[in-house]
Protein backbone atom coordinates (compact mmCIF):
# COMPACT_ATOMS: atom_id res chain seq x y z
CA MET A 1 0.03 0.02 -0.03
CA GLU A 2 1.32 3.43 -0.88
CA THR A 3 1.96 5.79 1.94
CA LEU A 4 1.28 9.52 2.08
CA LEU A 5 4.99 10.09 1.43
CA SER A 6 5.25 8.02 -1.65
CA PRO A 7 6.71 9.89 -4.64
CA THR A 8 3.70 8.65 -6.72
CA ASP A 9 1.20 10.24 -4.34
CA GLY A 10 -0.35 13.53 -5.50
CA GLY A 11 -0.32 15.06 -2.01
CA TYR A 12 3.35 14.31 -1.55
CA LEU A 13 4.24 15.89 -4.95
CA LEU A 14 2.37 19.04 -3.99
CA LEU A 15 4.26 19.18 -0.78
CA VAL A 16 7.47 18.91 -2.66
CA ALA A 17 6.47 21.73 -4.91
CA LEU A 18 5.64 23.94 -1.92
CA ALA A 19 8.86 23.11 -0.16
CA ALA A 20 10.83 23.85 -3.31
CA VAL A 21 9.32 27.33 -3.68
CA ALA A 22 9.84 28.05 0.00
CA ALA A 23 13.43 26.94 -0.22
CA LEU A 24 14.01 29.30 -3.18
CA LEU A 25 12.50 32.13 -1.28
CA TRP A 26 14.77 31.46 1.72
CA LEU A 27 17.94 31.01 -0.32
CA ILE A 28 17.41 34.12 -2.53
CA VAL A 29 15.74 36.58 -0.17
CA PHE A 30 17.32 35.71 3.16
CA VAL A 31 20.57 33.89 2.50
CA ARG A 32 21.22 36.18 -0.52
CA LEU A 33 22.46 33.31 -2.69
CA HIS A 34 22.70 34.24 -6.32
CA ALA A 35 19.50 33.32 -8.15
CA PHE A 36 21.27 31.15 -10.72
CA VAL A 37 23.00 29.06 -8.09
CA ALA A 38 19.83 28.81 -5.95
CA LEU A 39 17.72 27.69 -8.96
CA CYS A 40 20.25 25.03 -9.94
CA LEU A 41 20.51 23.73 -6.32
CA VAL A 42 16.73 23.66 -5.69
CA SER A 43 16.06 22.07 -9.15
CA LEU A 44 18.46 19.26 -8.37
CA ALA A 45 16.95 18.70 -4.85
CA THR A 46 13.35 18.81 -6.22
CA ALA A 47 14.13 16.26 -8.94
CA LEU A 48 15.49 13.85 -6.35
CA ALA A 49 12.64 14.44 -3.87
CA ALA A 50 9.97 14.10 -6.48
CA GLY A 51 11.16 10.62 -7.37
CA ILE A 52 12.73 11.25 -10.81
CA ALA A 53 15.08 8.32 -11.49
CA ILE A 54 18.65 9.11 -10.53
CA ASP A 55 20.01 8.40 -14.01
CA ALA A 56 17.36 10.71 -15.44
CA VAL A 57 17.93 13.64 -13.10
CA VAL A 58 20.77 15.34 -15.02
CA PRO A 59 19.13 14.81 -18.45
CA THR A 60 15.89 16.30 -17.06
CA LEU A 61 17.78 19.35 -15.73
CA LEU A 62 19.70 19.82 -18.99
CA SER A 63 16.76 19.35 -21.28
CA SER A 64 14.68 21.87 -19.36
CA PHE A 65 17.55 24.34 -19.15
CA GLY A 66 18.38 23.90 -22.82
CA GLY A 67 14.72 24.08 -23.92
CA THR A 68 14.41 27.48 -22.18
CA LEU A 69 17.64 28.76 -23.70
CA ALA A 70 16.57 27.66 -27.14
CA SER A 71 13.48 29.91 -26.89
CA VAL A 72 15.12 32.81 -24.98
CA ALA A 73 18.75 33.13 -25.91
CA LEU A 74 18.28 33.81 -29.64
CA LEU A 75 15.47 36.29 -28.94
CA VAL A 76 17.34 38.15 -26.21
CA GLY A 77 20.55 38.20 -28.17
CA LEU A 78 19.08 39.37 -31.52
CA GLY A 79 16.79 41.77 -29.70
CA ALA A 80 19.64 43.25 -27.75
CA MET A 81 21.57 43.97 -30.91
CA ILE A 82 18.50 45.58 -32.55
CA GLY A 83 17.81 47.59 -29.43
CA LYS A 84 21.42 48.80 -29.03
CA LEU A 85 21.61 49.87 -32.68
CA LEU A 86 18.39 51.85 -32.23
CA GLU A 87 19.72 53.40 -29.05
CA ALA A 88 23.11 54.21 -30.46
CA SER A 89 21.69 55.72 -33.67
CA GLY A 90 19.17 57.89 -31.84
CA GLY A 91 16.30 55.91 -33.24
CA ALA A 92 14.83 55.21 -29.76
CA GLN A 93 14.90 58.94 -29.07
CA VAL A 94 13.11 59.63 -32.37
CA LEU A 95 10.30 57.28 -31.54
CA ALA A 96 10.14 58.46 -27.91
CA ASP A 97 9.85 62.02 -29.23
CA LYS A 98 7.06 61.11 -31.52
CA LEU A 99 5.07 59.34 -28.87
CA ILE A 100 5.47 62.24 -26.36
CA SER A 101 4.37 64.79 -29.03
CA LEU A 102 1.20 62.74 -29.72
CA PHE A 103 0.29 62.02 -26.06
CA GLY A 104 1.97 64.76 -24.15
CA PRO A 105 4.77 64.52 -21.48
CA SER A 106 2.26 63.69 -18.66
CA LYS A 107 0.95 60.69 -20.61
CA ALA A 108 4.31 59.07 -21.43
CA PRO A 109 3.42 55.77 -19.67
CA LEU A 110 0.07 55.70 -21.59
CA ALA A 111 1.92 56.29 -24.86
CA LEU A 112 4.22 53.40 -24.24
CA GLY A 113 1.36 51.15 -23.24
CA VAL A 114 -0.73 52.00 -26.27
CA ALA A 115 2.22 51.48 -28.59
CA SER A 116 2.86 48.13 -26.92
CA LEU A 117 -0.76 47.13 -27.34
CA CYS A 118 -0.46 47.74 -31.08
CA PHE A 119 2.87 46.06 -31.41
CA GLY A 120 1.64 43.20 -29.22
CA PHE A 121 -1.16 42.08 -31.48
CA PRO A 122 0.95 39.67 -33.53
CA ILE A 123 4.32 39.60 -31.59
CA PHE A 124 5.06 37.36 -28.62
CA PHE A 125 5.58 38.77 -25.14
CA ASP A 126 9.33 38.29 -24.77
CA ALA A 127 10.15 39.37 -28.34
CA GLY A 128 8.01 42.47 -28.10
CA LEU A 129 9.43 43.47 -24.75
CA ILE A 130 13.02 43.15 -25.95
CA VAL A 131 12.34 45.31 -29.01
CA MET A 132 10.61 48.01 -26.94
CA MET A 133 13.32 48.12 -24.25
CA PRO A 134 15.38 50.98 -25.77
CA ILE A 135 12.25 53.08 -26.21
CA ILE A 136 11.13 52.45 -22.63
CA PHE A 137 14.49 53.47 -21.26
CA SER A 138 14.80 56.46 -23.52
CA VAL A 139 11.53 57.78 -22.19
CA ALA A 140 12.32 56.91 -18.64
CA ARG A 141 15.66 58.74 -18.78
CA ARG A 142 13.99 61.84 -20.10
CA PHE A 143 11.36 62.18 -17.37
CA GLY A 144 13.02 60.44 -14.46
CA GLY A 145 11.53 58.55 -11.64
CA SER A 146 11.17 54.83 -11.33
CA ILE A 147 11.54 52.69 -14.42
CA LEU A 148 8.42 50.79 -13.35
CA THR A 149 6.20 53.79 -14.24
CA TYR A 150 7.10 53.26 -17.87
CA ALA A 151 7.97 49.57 -18.01
CA LEU A 152 4.93 47.99 -16.39
CA PRO A 153 2.31 49.54 -18.70
CA ALA A 154 4.37 48.40 -21.71
CA ALA A 155 5.09 44.88 -20.33
CA GLY A 156 1.48 44.54 -19.22
CA ALA A 157 0.30 45.42 -22.77
CA PHE A 158 2.39 42.67 -24.27
CA ALA A 159 1.22 40.25 -21.54
CA VAL A 160 -2.50 40.76 -22.13
CA MET A 161 -2.22 40.57 -25.89
CA HIS A 162 -0.19 37.41 -25.67
CA ALA A 163 -2.57 35.79 -23.22
CA PHE A 164 -6.02 36.68 -24.45
CA VAL A 165 -5.98 37.60 -28.17
CA PRO A 166 -5.54 35.35 -31.19
CA PRO A 167 -3.38 34.72 -33.23
CA HIS A 168 -1.16 34.05 -30.15
CA PRO A 169 -0.73 30.31 -29.64
CA GLY A 170 -2.21 30.04 -26.11
CA PRO A 171 -5.80 31.26 -26.94
CA VAL A 172 -5.68 29.55 -30.34
CA ALA A 173 -4.78 26.16 -28.75
CA ALA A 174 -7.51 26.54 -26.08
CA ALA A 175 -10.08 27.55 -28.67
CA ASN A 176 -9.28 24.48 -30.70
CA PHE A 177 -9.73 22.21 -27.69
CA LEU A 178 -13.08 23.72 -26.70
CA GLY A 179 -14.45 24.47 -30.13
CA ALA A 180 -14.65 28.25 -29.77
CA ASP A 181 -15.04 30.39 -32.84
CA MET A 182 -11.71 32.09 -33.59
CA GLY A 183 -13.14 35.31 -35.01
CA LEU A 184 -15.52 35.78 -32.10
CA LEU A 185 -12.68 34.96 -29.69
CA LEU A 186 -10.59 37.71 -31.30
CA LEU A 187 -13.32 40.21 -30.74
CA VAL A 188 -14.09 39.09 -27.16
CA GLY A 189 -10.33 38.86 -26.36
CA LEU A 190 -9.78 42.41 -27.44
CA LEU A 191 -12.82 43.70 -25.57
CA ILE A 192 -11.44 42.06 -22.42
CA ALA A 193 -7.77 42.74 -23.01
CA ILE A 194 -7.99 46.51 -23.21
CA PRO A 195 -9.82 47.30 -19.94
CA THR A 196 -7.78 44.60 -18.28
CA TRP A 197 -4.56 46.31 -19.38
CA TYR A 198 -5.88 49.78 -18.31
CA LEU A 199 -6.80 48.63 -14.81
CA GLY A 200 -4.20 45.98 -14.10
CA ALA A 201 -1.06 47.34 -15.93
CA TYR A 202 -1.47 51.02 -16.66
CA LEU A 203 -3.03 52.16 -13.35
CA PHE A 204 -1.01 49.67 -11.34
CA GLY A 205 2.18 50.74 -13.13
CA LEU A 206 1.58 54.33 -12.09
CA TYR A 207 1.04 53.16 -8.52
CA ALA A 208 4.05 50.86 -8.46
CA GLY A 209 6.28 53.58 -9.90
CA LYS A 210 5.44 55.83 -7.01
CA LYS A 211 5.85 53.12 -4.38
CA PHE A 212 8.93 51.33 -5.66
CA LEU A 213 11.88 53.43 -6.90
CA VAL A 214 13.79 51.30 -9.31
CA ASN A 215 16.61 53.41 -10.68
CA ILE A 216 16.99 53.79 -14.46
CA GLN A 217 20.29 51.78 -14.59
CA ASN A 218 20.61 49.26 -17.35
CA THR A 219 23.93 48.43 -18.95
CA LEU A 220 22.19 47.03 -22.02
CA PHE A 221 20.66 50.32 -23.14
CA GLN A 222 22.86 53.06 -21.77
CA PRO A 223 22.92 56.43 -23.48
CA SER A 224 25.25 56.26 -26.42
CA ALA A 225 28.17 58.60 -27.14
CA ASP A 226 27.14 58.98 -30.83
CA ASP A 227 28.42 61.99 -32.70
CA PRO A 228 25.86 64.82 -32.03
CA SER A 229 26.71 66.35 -35.33
CA LEU A 230 25.12 63.37 -37.17
CA PRO A 231 21.37 63.88 -37.94
CA LEU A 232 18.97 61.59 -36.17
CA PRO A 233 17.42 58.84 -38.33
CA ALA A 234 14.03 59.55 -39.89
CA PHE A 235 10.93 58.46 -38.00
CA SER A 236 9.94 56.42 -41.05
CA GLN A 237 13.15 54.45 -40.79
CA VAL A 238 12.59 53.72 -37.13
CA ILE A 239 8.98 52.69 -37.53
CA ILE A 240 9.86 50.40 -40.43
CA ILE A 241 12.49 48.67 -38.28
CA LEU A 242 9.95 48.23 -35.46
CA LEU A 243 7.09 47.07 -37.72
CA LEU A 244 9.20 44.68 -39.75
CA PRO A 245 9.42 41.87 -37.09
CA ILE A 246 5.74 42.43 -36.26
CA LEU A 247 4.66 41.95 -39.84
CA LEU A 248 6.98 38.94 -40.31
CA ILE A 249 5.79 37.25 -37.15
CA PHE A 250 2.20 37.84 -38.17
CA LEU A 251 3.00 35.74 -41.29
CA ASP A 252 3.47 32.76 -38.96
CA THR A 253 0.73 33.44 -36.37
CA GLY A 254 -1.83 34.61 -38.91
CA LEU A 255 -1.23 31.78 -41.34
CA ASN A 256 -1.29 29.24 -38.48
CA THR A 257 -4.72 30.50 -37.41
CA LEU A 258 -5.96 30.15 -40.99
CA LEU A 259 -4.52 26.64 -41.24
CA LEU A 260 -6.29 25.57 -38.01
CA ALA A 261 -9.51 27.08 -39.27
CA GLY A 262 -9.24 25.10 -42.53
CA VAL A 263 -9.12 28.19 -44.67
CA ILE A 264 -5.86 27.30 -46.38
CA GLU A 265 -4.04 24.00 -47.00
CA SER A 266 -1.05 22.91 -44.99
CA ASP A 267 0.85 21.18 -47.77
CA SER A 268 1.97 24.38 -49.55
CA VAL A 269 5.68 25.18 -49.93
CA LEU A 270 4.79 28.86 -50.17
CA ILE A 271 2.86 28.76 -46.91
CA ASP A 272 5.69 26.88 -45.20
CA THR A 273 8.24 29.42 -46.52
CA LEU A 274 6.22 32.36 -45.31
CA ARG A 275 5.72 30.75 -41.89
CA LEU A 276 9.52 30.14 -41.67
CA LEU A 277 10.10 33.85 -42.28
CA GLY A 278 7.65 34.60 -39.49
CA LYS A 279 9.28 32.42 -36.87
CA THR A 280 10.42 34.79 -34.16
CA PRO A 281 14.22 34.15 -34.30
CA VAL A 282 14.15 34.37 -38.10
CA ALA A 283 12.12 37.56 -38.06
CA LEU A 284 14.46 39.19 -35.58
CA LEU A 285 17.46 38.10 -37.58
CA ILE A 286 15.99 39.67 -40.73
CA THR A 287 15.25 42.81 -38.71
CA LEU A 288 18.79 42.93 -37.48
CA ILE A 289 20.10 42.71 -41.04
CA MET A 290 17.84 45.52 -41.92
CA CYS A 291 19.20 47.57 -39.02
CA LEU A 292 22.80 46.93 -40.22
CA LEU A 293 21.89 48.07 -43.76
CA VAL A 294 20.03 51.16 -42.60
CA PHE A 295 22.80 52.32 -40.22
CA ARG A 296 25.79 51.22 -42.20
CA ALA A 297 26.47 54.70 -43.64
CA ARG A 298 26.11 56.24 -40.21
CA PHE A 299 28.49 54.03 -38.28
CA GLY A 300 30.49 51.85 -40.68
CA MET A 301 30.72 48.07 -40.31
CA LYS A 302 33.56 48.19 -37.80
CA LYS A 303 31.63 50.43 -35.40
CA MET A 304 28.47 48.38 -35.79
CA GLU A 305 30.42 45.19 -34.97
CA GLN A 306 31.54 46.92 -31.74
CA ILE A 307 27.95 48.01 -30.92
CA CYS A 308 26.66 44.46 -31.43
CA SER A 309 29.53 42.99 -29.31
CA ASP A 310 28.81 45.51 -26.55
CA SER A 311 25.14 44.62 -26.52
CA LEU A 312 25.78 40.89 -25.91
CA ALA A 313 28.05 41.18 -22.82
CA PRO A 314 25.38 42.37 -20.35
CA ILE A 315 22.72 39.76 -21.33
CA CYS A 316 24.74 36.75 -20.13
CA GLY A 317 23.18 36.98 -16.70
CA VAL A 318 19.68 37.51 -18.12
CA ILE A 319 19.92 34.47 -20.24
CA LEU A 320 21.46 32.15 -17.54
CA VAL A 321 19.07 33.07 -14.83
CA THR A 322 16.09 32.80 -17.22
CA GLY A 323 17.27 29.43 -18.34
CA ALA A 324 17.66 28.21 -14.73
CA GLY A 325 14.05 29.41 -14.01
CA GLY A 326 12.93 27.27 -16.97
CA MET A 327 14.93 24.39 -15.65
CA PHE A 328 13.13 24.61 -12.25
CA GLY A 329 9.74 24.71 -13.98
CA GLY A 330 10.76 21.83 -16.22
CA VAL A 331 11.65 19.65 -13.21
CA LEU A 332 8.25 20.31 -11.66
CA ARG A 333 6.52 19.37 -14.93
CA ALA A 334 8.65 16.20 -15.35
CA SER A 335 7.89 15.15 -11.76
CA GLY A 336 4.17 14.88 -12.47
CA ILE A 337 3.18 17.63 -10.01
CA GLY A 338 0.97 19.30 -12.55
CA ASP A 339 -0.87 16.07 -13.42
CA ALA A 340 -1.36 15.36 -9.69
CA LEU A 341 -2.84 18.79 -9.14
CA ALA A 342 -5.15 18.50 -12.15
CA ALA A 343 -6.44 15.18 -10.83
CA LEU A 344 -7.18 16.62 -7.45
CA LEU A 345 -9.05 19.59 -8.91
CA SER A 346 -10.97 17.96 -11.77
CA ASP A 347 -14.02 17.08 -9.66
CA ILE A 348 -14.39 20.08 -7.34
CA GLY A 349 -17.89 20.89 -8.39
CA LEU A 350 -17.48 24.55 -9.26
CA PRO A 351 -19.33 26.35 -12.13
CA LEU A 352 -17.65 25.54 -15.43
CA ILE A 353 -16.06 28.91 -16.05
CA VAL A 354 -14.90 29.21 -12.43
CA ALA A 355 -13.42 25.66 -12.46
CA ALA A 356 -11.53 26.55 -15.62
CA PHE A 357 -9.97 29.56 -14.00
CA VAL A 358 -9.11 27.80 -10.74
CA ILE A 359 -7.60 24.68 -12.31
CA SER A 360 -5.51 26.79 -14.75
CA ALA A 361 -4.31 29.12 -11.92
CA CYS A 362 -3.31 26.17 -9.70
CA LEU A 363 -1.38 24.53 -12.58
CA ARG A 364 0.32 27.89 -13.31
CA VAL A 365 1.46 28.26 -9.70
CA ALA A 366 2.59 24.58 -9.44
CA GLN A 367 4.74 24.33 -12.52
CA GLY A 368 5.33 27.85 -13.84
CA SER A 369 4.60 27.60 -17.56
CA ALA A 370 1.55 29.60 -18.65
CA THR A 371 1.40 27.66 -21.93
CA VAL A 372 1.42 24.30 -20.12
CA ALA A 373 -1.23 25.46 -17.62
CA LEU A 374 -3.43 26.80 -20.43
CA THR A 375 -3.20 23.81 -22.75
CA THR A 376 -3.48 21.28 -19.95
CA THR A 377 -6.56 22.93 -18.50
CA ALA A 378 -8.15 23.24 -21.91
CA ALA A 379 -7.58 19.54 -22.63
CA LEU A 380 -8.89 18.63 -19.17
CA MET A 381 -11.98 20.74 -19.50
CA ALA A 382 -12.74 19.88 -23.12
CA PRO A 383 -14.82 16.69 -22.51
CA THR A 384 -16.97 18.46 -19.93
CA VAL A 385 -17.41 21.61 -22.07
CA LEU A 386 -18.25 19.68 -25.25
CA GLN A 387 -20.84 17.58 -23.42
CA THR A 388 -22.49 20.56 -21.67
CA THR A 389 -25.63 21.69 -23.50
CA GLY A 390 -26.70 25.31 -23.63
CA LEU A 391 -23.29 26.93 -23.95
CA SER A 392 -23.43 29.81 -26.45
CA PRO A 393 -20.44 30.75 -28.70
CA ILE A 394 -19.74 33.67 -26.33
CA ASP A 395 -19.70 31.29 -23.38
CA LEU A 396 -17.04 29.22 -25.08
CA CYS A 397 -14.91 32.27 -25.68
CA CYS A 398 -15.33 33.37 -22.08
CA ILE A 399 -14.21 29.94 -20.86
CA VAL A 400 -11.10 30.28 -23.01
CA ILE A 401 -10.40 33.73 -21.50
CA ALA A 402 -10.96 32.35 -18.02
CA ILE A 403 -8.40 29.59 -18.67
CA ALA A 404 -5.94 32.13 -20.09
CA GLY A 405 -6.54 34.36 -16.98
CA GLY A 406 -5.68 31.51 -14.67
CA ALA A 407 -2.61 30.78 -16.62
CA THR A 408 -1.45 34.41 -16.21
CA VAL A 409 -1.70 34.85 -12.41
CA LEU A 410 0.99 34.53 -9.85
CA SER A 411 4.16 34.42 -12.01
CA HIS A 412 6.99 33.53 -9.60
CA PHE A 413 10.25 31.66 -9.28
CA ASN A 414 9.32 28.68 -11.53
CA ASP A 415 8.33 30.96 -14.43
CA SER A 416 11.21 31.97 -16.81
CA GLY A 417 9.30 35.17 -17.60
CA PHE A 418 9.64 36.24 -13.96
CA TRP A 419 13.46 36.08 -14.31
CA LEU A 420 13.47 37.76 -17.72
CA VAL A 421 11.57 40.78 -16.39
CA SER A 422 13.65 40.86 -13.16
CA ARG A 423 16.93 40.96 -14.98
CA LEU A 424 15.89 43.27 -17.83
CA PHE A 425 14.59 45.96 -15.50
CA ASN A 426 17.31 45.50 -12.89
CA MET A 427 14.99 44.45 -10.04
CA ASP A 428 15.75 42.22 -7.14
CA GLU A 429 13.57 39.25 -6.48
CA SER A 430 11.54 40.81 -3.67
CA THR A 431 10.65 43.82 -5.83
CA THR A 432 9.78 41.65 -8.76
CA LEU A 433 7.35 39.67 -6.54
CA LYS A 434 5.72 42.90 -5.32
CA THR A 435 5.43 44.35 -8.81
CA TRP A 436 5.54 41.96 -11.74
CA THR A 437 3.84 39.08 -9.87
CA VAL A 438 1.14 41.36 -8.45
CA MET A 439 0.53 42.85 -11.92
CA GLU A 440 0.26 39.38 -13.58
CA THR A 441 -2.21 38.36 -10.85
CA LEU A 442 -4.28 41.46 -11.38
CA LEU A 443 -4.31 40.98 -15.14
CA GLY A 444 -5.40 37.34 -14.91
CA THR A 445 -8.01 38.04 -12.25
CA ILE A 446 -9.53 41.09 -13.92
CA ALA A 447 -9.80 39.26 -17.22
CA PHE A 448 -11.50 36.38 -15.49
CA VAL A 449 -14.03 38.60 -13.75
CA ILE A 450 -14.86 40.47 -16.99
CA ALA A 451 -15.29 37.13 -18.81
CA TYR A 452 -17.45 35.75 -16.06
CA LEU A 453 -19.69 38.86 -16.19
CA ILE A 454 -20.01 38.67 -19.98
CA SER A 455 -20.89 34.98 -19.79
CA TRP A 456 -23.48 35.72 -17.07
CA VAL A 457 -25.08 38.59 -19.00
CA PHE A 458 -25.15 36.97 -22.42
């Protein structure tokens, strides 16, 4: 007979997850151990405690670490080069000037947020944030104060678009599981995402900027010593560089949505080629080449090589810590903690839309990955949803949003996005928990409440 402390028991696995998170808090916040070392140590201990076979522990750690690096390192590296070139050329200043002239100095955070909402429609969260970084810092240096005043509205904009609006992969996958109409989900997602961003990211960003003073210090995008006699690049050049990766990525996400909807065929060489160009690393690489061509006359190739080299040195810590965070989350997933939690929550007797949010939120907290939480919950809820009569098309869309909202809340140590934001904005772990984690929780909860009200009214 299995005991409560058997590694195959769901209750035991949940205790292991809680102990692992508590250990990370203690090591990082109180012992002041470097986050990379703490994540490696706790990941190893968690793998052993969760019953992963000894000969599989190291492969599990390496595959989780490598998988995160595969998705993060290229994006951060290419994005850092693009951002540094925009900063050094004065392109970030040009765009910042344009935004401020349109919205006014007092609405600089709103300007950054609205721009990020527009850019975030087709582009993924991490890629969008990296590309916007030099503009965020350029605006923040001009007006002073905490970087959070400007960063959180922009980061929150990318977060809500990525979580709730097709053609991003999370809501598209959930819609396919539950049979929701993609066009209607796009409309409902936008109607929910915009007020969610305003309440949970813009207003909270203004509050957090006053409460938490995070100095505008970032070695990745420091002011350049460019020759002041050289004219600033044209606004059209800057906007083309920023729109290029967005348009390319939309080739992939948009065509993927059409493929899933059966509008176009999947066995087309042309479609496959266009989707290849739209893969985020390829899109950023093409954009970087465009930057090099545009700014070649301004800097010369030797100077641009130096700028690109200078941009890579500071991101080593960002990449390694983010990879270690992904490793910790990967260990939790490999241990079966998410499956155990899903089994415990599957028959809790809550209303359908509430159960979708709760299960997704618990899976998010347990294993860190929003995508895993979203797709697992959608697959788990699909039989019940499909067998339930009387659900309108709007109800199905609201359930998708509820699942996405649950998968957004409580980003913490096992989420690689937590470490990416922490390192990019030069925040310690305690401040990141009090700002980024709180904002993510607000965004997920507000979206769920709005979706619940829409479902109840309609």
